[in-house]
Structures are given as C-alpha cells and as structure tokens.
Amino acid sequence: MRKILLVSIMLFTMACTGNSEKSGQTTDSTSTATPVADAKKYACPMQCEGDKTYAEAGKCPVCKMELKEIAFAETDSTTHEH
C-alpha cells in the first residue's frame, strides 16, 4: 500500500514539474525576441565618454547634458558596397 502511494506521489510530482518547464520555455522564447527589436541606444552628444552608449535615456554623468538616441548606421544596408 505504501509503495502504491509513494509511486502515485512521485508520478504526480513529475507530471506537475514537466508541465511548468514546458510552459516556461514558451514564455521565455517569446519575451526575449521583443526587446531585441525595440532596442534603442543613447549617447552623449558631446561624446564625453567616447563611444559609450546607454540603454535608457537620461543625463550624461560627465557633462549632465541629455542623452540623445543614436541611429544604427551599421545596420543600414544602403551604403554597403562590395
């Protein structure tokens, strides 16, 4: 009787654990694709820190100017030559 109860508990635990892992994988793959497409970078217009960029808008820690959104020139394929 104890063996049947123990096996039943183990099977129930494995079934619950397996379902949560599968649903977690679907959510993770969906959520990681969205931020990449919406990624923006900001930099100081005075280039106080060289080419350093930030993920969020704000103020430059050196000169206190507002950070400006930078364009992704390296992803523009119209200027690419072979």
PDB file of N, CA and C in Angstrom:
ATOM      1  N   MET A   1       0.813  -1.181   0.000  1.00  0.00           N
ATOM      2  CA  MET A   1       0.000   0.000   0.000  1.00  0.00           C
ATOM      3  C   MET A   1       0.867   1.260   0.000  1.00  0.00           C
ATOM      4  N   ARG A   2       1.950   1.239   0.794  1.00  0.00           N
ATOM      5  CA  ARG A   2       2.843   2.386   0.855  1.00  0.00           C
ATOM      6  C   ARG A   2       3.542   2.611  -0.478  1.00  0.00           C
ATOM      7  N   LYS A   3       3.899   1.520  -1.144  1.00  0.00           N
ATOM      8  CA  LYS A   3       4.573   1.634  -2.434  1.00  0.00           C
ATOM      9  C   LYS A   3       3.660   2.294  -3.462  1.00  0.00           C
ATOM     10  N   ILE A   4       2.412   1.912  -3.486  1.00  0.00           N
ATOM     11  CA  ILE A   4       1.453   2.487  -4.436  1.00  0.00           C
ATOM     12  C   ILE A   4       1.285   3.985  -4.159  1.00  0.00           C
ATOM     13  N   LEU A   5       1.169   4.364  -2.905  1.00  0.00           N
ATOM     14  CA  LEU A   5       1.024   5.762  -2.530  1.00  0.00           C
ATOM     15  C   LEU A   5       2.279   6.549  -2.902  1.00  0.00           C
ATOM     16  N   LEU A   6       3.444   5.996  -2.641  1.00  0.00           N
ATOM     17  CA  LEU A   6       4.708   6.655  -2.949  1.00  0.00           C
ATOM     18  C   LEU A   6       4.872   6.838  -4.462  1.00  0.00           C
ATOM     19  N   VAL A   7       4.572   5.803  -5.217  1.00  0.00           N
ATOM     20  CA  VAL A   7       4.672   5.881  -6.673  1.00  0.00           C
ATOM     21  C   VAL A   7       3.673   6.906  -7.217  1.00  0.00           C
ATOM     22  N   SER A   8       2.480   6.942  -6.678  1.00  0.00           N
ATOM     23  CA  SER A   8       1.470   7.910  -7.115  1.00  0.00           C
ATOM     24  C   SER A   8       1.931   9.342  -6.858  1.00  0.00           C
ATOM     25  N   ILE A   9       2.512   9.589  -5.704  1.00  0.00           N
ATOM     26  CA  ILE A   9       3.012  10.927  -5.369  1.00  0.00           C
ATOM     27  C   ILE A   9       4.158  11.315  -6.296  1.00  0.00           C
ATOM     28  N   MET A  10       5.047  10.372  -6.567  1.00  0.00           N
ATOM     29  CA  MET A  10       6.174  10.654  -7.455  1.00  0.00           C
ATOM     30  C   MET A  10       5.689  10.973  -8.869  1.00  0.00           C
ATOM     31  N   LEU A  11       4.742  10.197  -9.380  1.00  0.00           N
ATOM     32  CA  LEU A  11       4.210  10.446 -10.716  1.00  0.00           C
ATOM     33  C   LEU A  11       3.504  11.800 -10.793  1.00  0.00           C
ATOM     34  N   PHE A  12       2.750  12.134  -9.772  1.00  0.00           N
ATOM     35  CA  PHE A  12       2.056  13.414  -9.733  1.00  0.00           C
ATOM     36  C   PHE A  12       3.060  14.574  -9.727  1.00  0.00           C
ATOM     37  N   THR A  13       4.115  14.434  -8.937  1.00  0.00           N
ATOM     38  CA  THR A  13       5.148  15.473  -8.860  1.00  0.00           C
ATOM     39  C   THR A  13       5.863  15.632 -10.191  1.00  0.00           C
ATOM     40  N   MET A  14       6.196  14.530 -10.835  1.00  0.00           N
ATOM     41  CA  MET A  14       6.871  14.599 -12.129  1.00  0.00           C
ATOM     42  C   MET A  14       5.973  15.209 -13.189  1.00  0.00           C
ATOM     43  N   ALA A  15       4.695  14.905 -13.162  1.00  0.00           N
ATOM     44  CA  ALA A  15       3.763  15.463 -14.139  1.00  0.00           C
ATOM     45  C   ALA A  15       3.625  16.969 -13.964  1.00  0.00           C
ATOM     46  N   CYS A  16       3.553  17.425 -12.733  1.00  0.00           N
ATOM     47  CA  CYS A  16       3.435  18.863 -12.468  1.00  0.00           C
ATOM     48  C   CYS A  16       4.702  19.605 -12.848  1.00  0.00           C
ATOM     49  N   THR A  17       5.846  19.029 -12.559  1.00  0.00           N
ATOM     50  CA  THR A  17       7.126  19.659 -12.868  1.00  0.00           C
ATOM     51  C   THR A  17       7.343  19.724 -14.369  1.00  0.00           C
ATOM     52  N   GLY A  18       7.004  18.708 -15.091  1.00  0.00           N
ATOM     53  CA  GLY A  18       7.170  18.686 -16.541  1.00  0.00           C
ATOM     54  C   GLY A  18       6.322  19.731 -17.241  1.00  0.00           C
ATOM     55  N   ASN A  19       5.115  19.962 -16.792  1.00  0.00           N
ATOM     56  CA  ASN A  19       4.246  20.953 -17.414  1.00  0.00           C
ATOM     57  C   ASN A  19       4.744  22.364 -17.181  1.00  0.00           C
ATOM     58  N   SER A  20       5.253  22.667 -16.010  1.00  0.00           N
ATOM     59  CA  SER A  20       5.724  24.022 -15.725  1.00  0.00           C
ATOM     60  C   SER A  20       6.975  24.341 -16.522  1.00  0.00           C
ATOM     61  N   GLU A  21       7.831  23.373 -16.762  1.00  0.00           N
ATOM     62  CA  GLU A  21       9.027  23.614 -17.555  1.00  0.00           C
ATOM     63  C   GLU A  21       8.671  23.905 -19.004  1.00  0.00           C
ATOM     64  N   LYS A  22       7.712  23.178 -19.558  1.00  0.00           N
ATOM     65  CA  LYS A  22       7.314  23.403 -20.944  1.00  0.00           C
ATOM     66  C   LYS A  22       6.692  24.776 -21.119  1.00  0.00           C
ATOM     67  N   SER A  23       5.833  25.180 -20.219  1.00  0.00           N
ATOM     68  CA  SER A  23       5.199  26.491 -20.351  1.00  0.00           C
ATOM     69  C   SER A  23       6.212  27.601 -20.128  1.00  0.00           C
ATOM     70  N   GLY A  24       7.204  27.402 -19.309  1.00  0.00           N
ATOM     71  CA  GLY A  24       8.242  28.397 -19.075  1.00  0.00           C
ATOM     72  C   GLY A  24       9.107  28.611 -20.302  1.00  0.00           C
ATOM     73  N   GLN A  25       9.359  27.559 -21.072  1.00  0.00           N
ATOM     74  CA  GLN A  25      10.171  27.689 -22.270  1.00  0.00           C
ATOM     75  C   GLN A  25       9.453  28.519 -23.322  1.00  0.00           C
ATOM     76  N   THR A  26       8.156  28.342 -23.475  1.00  0.00           N
ATOM     77  CA  THR A  26       7.404  29.089 -24.468  1.00  0.00           C
ATOM     78  C   THR A  26       7.391  30.566 -24.127  1.00  0.00           C
ATOM     79  N   THR A  27       7.185  30.899 -22.872  1.00  0.00           N
ATOM     80  CA  THR A  27       7.145  32.291 -22.448  1.00  0.00           C
ATOM     81  C   THR A  27       8.506  32.955 -22.613  1.00  0.00           C
ATOM     82  N   ASP A  28       9.582  32.253 -22.261  1.00  0.00           N
ATOM     83  CA  ASP A  28      10.911  32.837 -22.349  1.00  0.00           C
ATOM     84  C   ASP A  28      11.306  33.149 -23.783  1.00  0.00           C
ATOM     85  N   SER A  29      11.047  32.255 -24.720  1.00  0.00           N
ATOM     86  CA  SER A  29      11.448  32.489 -26.099  1.00  0.00           C
ATOM     87  C   SER A  29      10.661  33.629 -26.715  1.00  0.00           C
ATOM     88  N   THR A  30       9.427  33.809 -26.315  1.00  0.00           N
ATOM     89  CA  THR A  30       8.620  34.905 -26.835  1.00  0.00           C
ATOM     90  C   THR A  30       9.080  36.232 -26.263  1.00  0.00           C
ATOM     91  N   SER A  31       9.386  36.276 -24.978  1.00  0.00           N
ATOM     92  CA  SER A  31       9.751  37.535 -24.339  1.00  0.00           C
ATOM     93  C   SER A  31      11.144  38.007 -24.733  1.00  0.00           C
ATOM     94  N   THR A  32      12.044  37.136 -25.135  1.00  0.00           N
ATOM     95  CA  THR A  32      13.382  37.574 -25.500  1.00  0.00           C
ATOM     96  C   THR A  32      13.431  38.134 -26.911  1.00  0.00           C
ATOM     97  N   ALA A  33      12.504  37.787 -27.769  1.00  0.00           N
ATOM     98  CA  ALA A  33      12.530  38.294 -29.132  1.00  0.00           C
ATOM     99  C   ALA A  33      12.072  39.746 -29.206  1.00  0.00           C
ATOM    100  N   THR A  34      11.153  40.170 -28.384  1.00  0.00           N
ATOM    101  CA  THR A  34      10.604  41.518 -28.445  1.00  0.00           C
ATOM    102  C   THR A  34      11.613  42.599 -28.071  1.00  0.00           C
ATOM    103  N   PRO A  35      12.361  42.503 -26.958  1.00  0.00           N
ATOM    104  CA  PRO A  35      13.280  43.584 -26.610  1.00  0.00           C
ATOM    105  C   PRO A  35      14.379  43.819 -27.635  1.00  0.00           C
ATOM    106  N   VAL A  36      14.799  42.781 -28.342  1.00  0.00           N
ATOM    107  CA  VAL A  36      15.851  42.954 -29.333  1.00  0.00           C
ATOM    108  C   VAL A  36      15.384  43.858 -30.461  1.00  0.00           C
ATOM    109  N   ALA A  37      14.145  43.697 -30.909  1.00  0.00           N
ATOM    110  CA  ALA A  37      13.621  44.507 -31.991  1.00  0.00           C
ATOM    111  C   ALA A  37      13.405  45.950 -31.554  1.00  0.00           C
ATOM    112  N   ASP A  38      13.074  46.192 -30.283  1.00  0.00           N
ATOM    113  CA  ASP A  38      12.784  47.528 -29.791  1.00  0.00           C
ATOM    114  C   ASP A  38      13.993  48.182 -29.119  1.00  0.00           C
ATOM    115  N   ALA A  39      15.171  47.595 -29.227  1.00  0.00           N
ATOM    116  CA  ALA A  39      16.342  48.117 -28.537  1.00  0.00           C
ATOM    117  C   ALA A  39      16.737  49.473 -29.109  1.00  0.00           C
ATOM    118  N   LYS A  40      16.945  50.442 -28.205  1.00  0.00           N
ATOM    119  CA  LYS A  40      17.422  51.766 -28.583  1.00  0.00           C
ATOM    120  C   LYS A  40      18.662  52.046 -27.760  1.00  0.00           C
ATOM    121  N   LYS A  41      19.555  52.837 -28.309  1.00  0.00           N
ATOM    122  CA  LYS A  41      20.758  53.209 -27.586  1.00  0.00           C
ATOM    123  C   LYS A  41      20.842  54.727 -27.527  1.00  0.00           C
ATOM    124  N   TYR A  42      21.403  55.207 -26.434  1.00  0.00           N
ATOM    125  CA  TYR A  42      21.545  56.635 -26.215  1.00  0.00           C
ATOM    126  C   TYR A  42      22.999  56.951 -25.921  1.00  0.00           C
ATOM    127  N   ALA A  43      23.446  58.141 -26.350  1.00  0.00           N
ATOM    128  CA  ALA A  43      24.821  58.561 -26.118  1.00  0.00           C
ATOM    129  C   ALA A  43      24.850  60.069 -25.887  1.00  0.00           C
ATOM    130  N   CYS A  44      25.925  60.535 -25.290  1.00  0.00           N
ATOM    131  CA  CYS A  44      26.109  61.961 -25.047  1.00  0.00           C
ATOM    132  C   CYS A  44      26.421  62.653 -26.373  1.00  0.00           C
ATOM    133  N   PRO A  45      25.741  63.769 -26.688  1.00  0.00           N
ATOM    134  CA  PRO A  45      26.022  64.477 -27.941  1.00  0.00           C
ATOM    135  C   PRO A  45      27.422  65.098 -27.956  1.00  0.00           C
ATOM    136  N   MET A  46      28.026  65.320 -26.790  1.00  0.00           N
ATOM    137  CA  MET A  46      29.375  65.887 -26.705  1.00  0.00           C
ATOM    138  C   MET A  46      30.453  64.801 -26.707  1.00  0.00           C
ATOM    139  N   GLN A  47      30.043  63.547 -26.682  1.00  0.00           N
ATOM    140  CA  GLN A  47      30.938  62.387 -26.671  1.00  0.00           C
ATOM    141  C   GLN A  47      31.966  62.465 -25.540  1.00  0.00           C
ATOM    142  N   CYS A  48      31.491  62.829 -24.354  1.00  0.00           N
ATOM    143  CA  CYS A  48      32.357  62.939 -23.174  1.00  0.00           C
ATOM    144  C   CYS A  48      33.049  61.624 -22.843  1.00  0.00           C
ATOM    145  N   GLU A  49      32.358  60.519 -23.074  1.00  0.00           N
ATOM    146  CA  GLU A  49      32.890  59.207 -22.732  1.00  0.00           C
ATOM    147  C   GLU A  49      33.234  58.404 -23.980  1.00  0.00           C
ATOM    148  N   GLY A  50      33.498  59.071 -25.060  1.00  0.00           N
ATOM    149  CA  GLY A  50      33.847  58.383 -26.302  1.00  0.00           C
ATOM    150  C   GLY A  50      32.618  57.761 -26.941  1.00  0.00           C
ATOM    151  N   ASP A  51      32.689  56.475 -27.256  1.00  0.00           N
ATOM    152  CA  ASP A  51      31.592  55.768 -27.921  1.00  0.00           C
ATOM    153  C   ASP A  51      30.680  55.039 -26.948  1.00  0.00           C
ATOM    154  N   LYS A  52      30.733  55.364 -25.676  1.00  0.00           N
ATOM    155  CA  LYS A  52      29.913  54.674 -24.683  1.00  0.00           C
ATOM    156  C   LYS A  52      28.435  54.970 -24.923  1.00  0.00           C
ATOM    157  N   THR A  53      27.600  53.920 -24.843  1.00  0.00           N
ATOM    158  CA  THR A  53      26.163  54.067 -25.047  1.00  0.00           C
ATOM    159  C   THR A  53      25.413  53.559 -23.827  1.00  0.00           C
ATOM    160  N   TYR A  54      24.163  53.986 -23.738  1.00  0.00           N
ATOM    161  CA  TYR A  54      23.299  53.603 -22.626  1.00  0.00           C
ATOM    162  C   TYR A  54      22.011  53.024 -23.179  1.00  0.00           C
ATOM    163  N   ALA A  55      21.377  52.145 -22.427  1.00  0.00           N
ATOM    164  CA  ALA A  55      20.134  51.501 -22.853  1.00  0.00           C
ATOM    165  C   ALA A  55      18.920  52.399 -22.623  1.00  0.00           C
ATOM    166  N   GLU A  56      19.028  53.371 -21.710  1.00  0.00           N
ATOM    167  CA  GLU A  56      17.900  54.236 -21.389  1.00  0.00           C
ATOM    168  C   GLU A  56      18.291  55.692 -21.537  1.00  0.00           C
ATOM    169  N   ALA A  57      17.302  56.541 -21.850  1.00  0.00           N
ATOM    170  CA  ALA A  57      17.533  57.974 -21.922  1.00  0.00           C
ATOM    171  C   ALA A  57      17.802  58.518 -20.528  1.00  0.00           C
ATOM    172  N   GLY A  58      18.507  59.615 -20.467  1.00  0.00           N
ATOM    173  CA  GLY A  58      18.824  60.220 -19.185  1.00  0.00           C
ATOM    174  C   GLY A  58      19.812  61.347 -19.392  1.00  0.00           C
ATOM    175  N   LYS A  59      20.662  61.573 -18.399  1.00  0.00           N
ATOM    176  CA  LYS A  59      21.670  62.626 -18.479  1.00  0.00           C
ATOM    177  C   LYS A  59      23.063  62.017 -18.474  1.00  0.00           C
ATOM    178  N   CYS A  60      23.978  62.680 -19.167  1.00  0.00           N
ATOM    179  CA  CYS A  60      25.380  62.263 -19.195  1.00  0.00           C
ATOM    180  C   CYS A  60      25.961  62.440 -17.799  1.00  0.00           C
ATOM    181  N   PRO A  61      26.632  61.425 -17.261  1.00  0.00           N
ATOM    182  CA  PRO A  61      27.206  61.557 -15.928  1.00  0.00           C
ATOM    183  C   PRO A  61      28.377  62.541 -15.872  1.00  0.00           C
ATOM    184  N   VAL A  62      28.969  62.901 -17.014  1.00  0.00           N
ATOM    185  CA  VAL A  62      30.117  63.792 -17.033  1.00  0.00           C
ATOM    186  C   VAL A  62      29.675  65.251 -17.182  1.00  0.00           C
ATOM    187  N   CYS A  63      28.949  65.567 -18.290  1.00  0.00           N
ATOM    188  CA  CYS A  63      28.585  66.958 -18.570  1.00  0.00           C
ATOM    189  C   CYS A  63      27.136  67.293 -18.224  1.00  0.00           C
ATOM    190  N   LYS A  64      26.348  66.314 -17.834  1.00  0.00           N
ATOM    191  CA  LYS A  64      24.942  66.473 -17.420  1.00  0.00           C
ATOM    192  C   LYS A  64      23.995  66.882 -18.556  1.00  0.00           C
ATOM    193  N   MET A  65      24.411  66.734 -19.805  1.00  0.00           N
ATOM    194  CA  MET A  65      23.520  67.002 -20.942  1.00  0.00           C
ATOM    195  C   MET A  65      22.592  65.813 -21.138  1.00  0.00           C
ATOM    196  N   GLU A  66      21.445  66.052 -21.767  1.00  0.00           N
ATOM    197  CA  GLU A  66      20.507  64.977 -22.082  1.00  0.00           C
ATOM    198  C   GLU A  66      21.137  64.040 -23.100  1.00  0.00           C
ATOM    199  N   LEU A  67      21.012  62.734 -22.850  1.00  0.00           N
ATOM    200  CA  LEU A  67      21.497  61.746 -23.809  1.00  0.00           C
ATOM    201  C   LEU A  67      20.584  61.743 -25.016  1.00  0.00           C
ATOM    202  N   LYS A  68      21.147  61.586 -26.200  1.00  0.00           N
ATOM    203  CA  LYS A  68      20.389  61.567 -27.453  1.00  0.00           C
ATOM    204  C   LYS A  68      20.354  60.157 -28.010  1.00  0.00           C
ATOM    205  N   GLU A  69      19.231  59.804 -28.635  1.00  0.00           N
ATOM    206  CA  GLU A  69      19.118  58.494 -29.274  1.00  0.00           C
ATOM    207  C   GLU A  69      20.040  58.461 -30.477  1.00  0.00           C
ATOM    208  N   ILE A  70      20.775  57.357 -30.623  1.00  0.00           N
ATOM    209  CA  ILE A  70      21.692  57.243 -31.749  1.00  0.00           C
ATOM    210  C   ILE A  70      21.097  56.336 -32.808  1.00  0.00           C
ATOM    211  N   ALA A  71      21.416  56.631 -34.063  1.00  0.00           N
ATOM    212  CA  ALA A  71      20.943  55.831 -35.190  1.00  0.00           C
ATOM    213  C   ALA A  71      21.884  54.649 -35.375  1.00  0.00           C
ATOM    214  N   PHE A  72      21.343  53.554 -35.846  1.00  0.00           N
ATOM    215  CA  PHE A  72      22.148  52.364 -36.092  1.00  0.00           C
ATOM    216  C   PHE A  72      22.673  52.404 -37.517  1.00  0.00           C
ATOM    217  N   ALA A  73      23.713  53.154 -37.754  1.00  0.00           N
ATOM    218  CA  ALA A  73      24.287  53.290 -39.085  1.00  0.00           C
ATOM    219  C   ALA A  73      24.864  51.968 -39.586  1.00  0.00           C
ATOM    220  N   GLU A  74      25.360  51.152 -38.661  1.00  0.00           N
ATOM    221  CA  GLU A  74      25.969  49.889 -39.086  1.00  0.00           C
ATOM    222  C   GLU A  74      24.947  48.883 -39.610  1.00  0.00           C
ATOM    223  N   THR A  75      23.649  49.104 -39.350  1.00  0.00           N
ATOM    224  CA  THR A  75      22.630  48.182 -39.840  1.00  0.00           C
ATOM    225  C   THR A  75      22.013  48.662 -41.144  1.00  0.00           C
ATOM    226  N   ASP A  76      22.411  49.851 -41.607  1.00  0.00           N
ATOM    227  CA  ASP A  76      21.868  50.392 -42.847  1.00  0.00           C
ATOM    228  C   ASP A  76      22.571  49.741 -44.021  1.00  0.00           C
ATOM    229  N   SER A  77      21.856  48.989 -44.822  1.00  0.00           N
ATOM    230  CA  SER A  77      22.487  48.247 -45.915  1.00  0.00           C
ATOM    231  C   SER A  77      22.561  49.052 -47.205  1.00  0.00           C
ATOM    232  N   THR A  78      22.033  50.263 -47.233  1.00  0.00           N
ATOM    233  CA  THR A  78      22.033  51.045 -48.480  1.00  0.00           C
ATOM    234  C   THR A  78      23.422  51.587 -48.796  1.00  0.00           C
ATOM    235  N   THR A  79      24.287  51.761 -47.819  1.00  0.00           N
ATOM    236  CA  THR A  79      25.626  52.304 -48.072  1.00  0.00           C
ATOM    237  C   THR A  79      26.670  51.217 -48.219  1.00  0.00           C
ATOM    238  N   HIS A  80      26.272  49.983 -48.158  1.00  0.00           N
ATOM    239  CA  HIS A  80      27.213  48.866 -48.221  1.00  0.00           C
ATOM    240  C   HIS A  80      27.635  48.606 -49.656  1.00  0.00           C
ATOM    241  N   GLU A  81      28.944  48.508 -49.891  1.00  0.00           N
ATOM    242  CA  GLU A  81      29.461  48.214 -51.238  1.00  0.00           C
ATOM    243  C   GLU A  81      30.323  46.967 -51.197  1.00  0.00           C
ATOM    244  N   HIS A  82      30.335  46.247 -52.302  1.00  0.00           N
ATOM    245  CA  HIS A  82      31.194  45.053 -52.409  1.00  0.00           C
ATOM    246  C   HIS A  82      32.387  45.351 -53.245  1.00  0.00           C
TER     247      HIS A  82
END
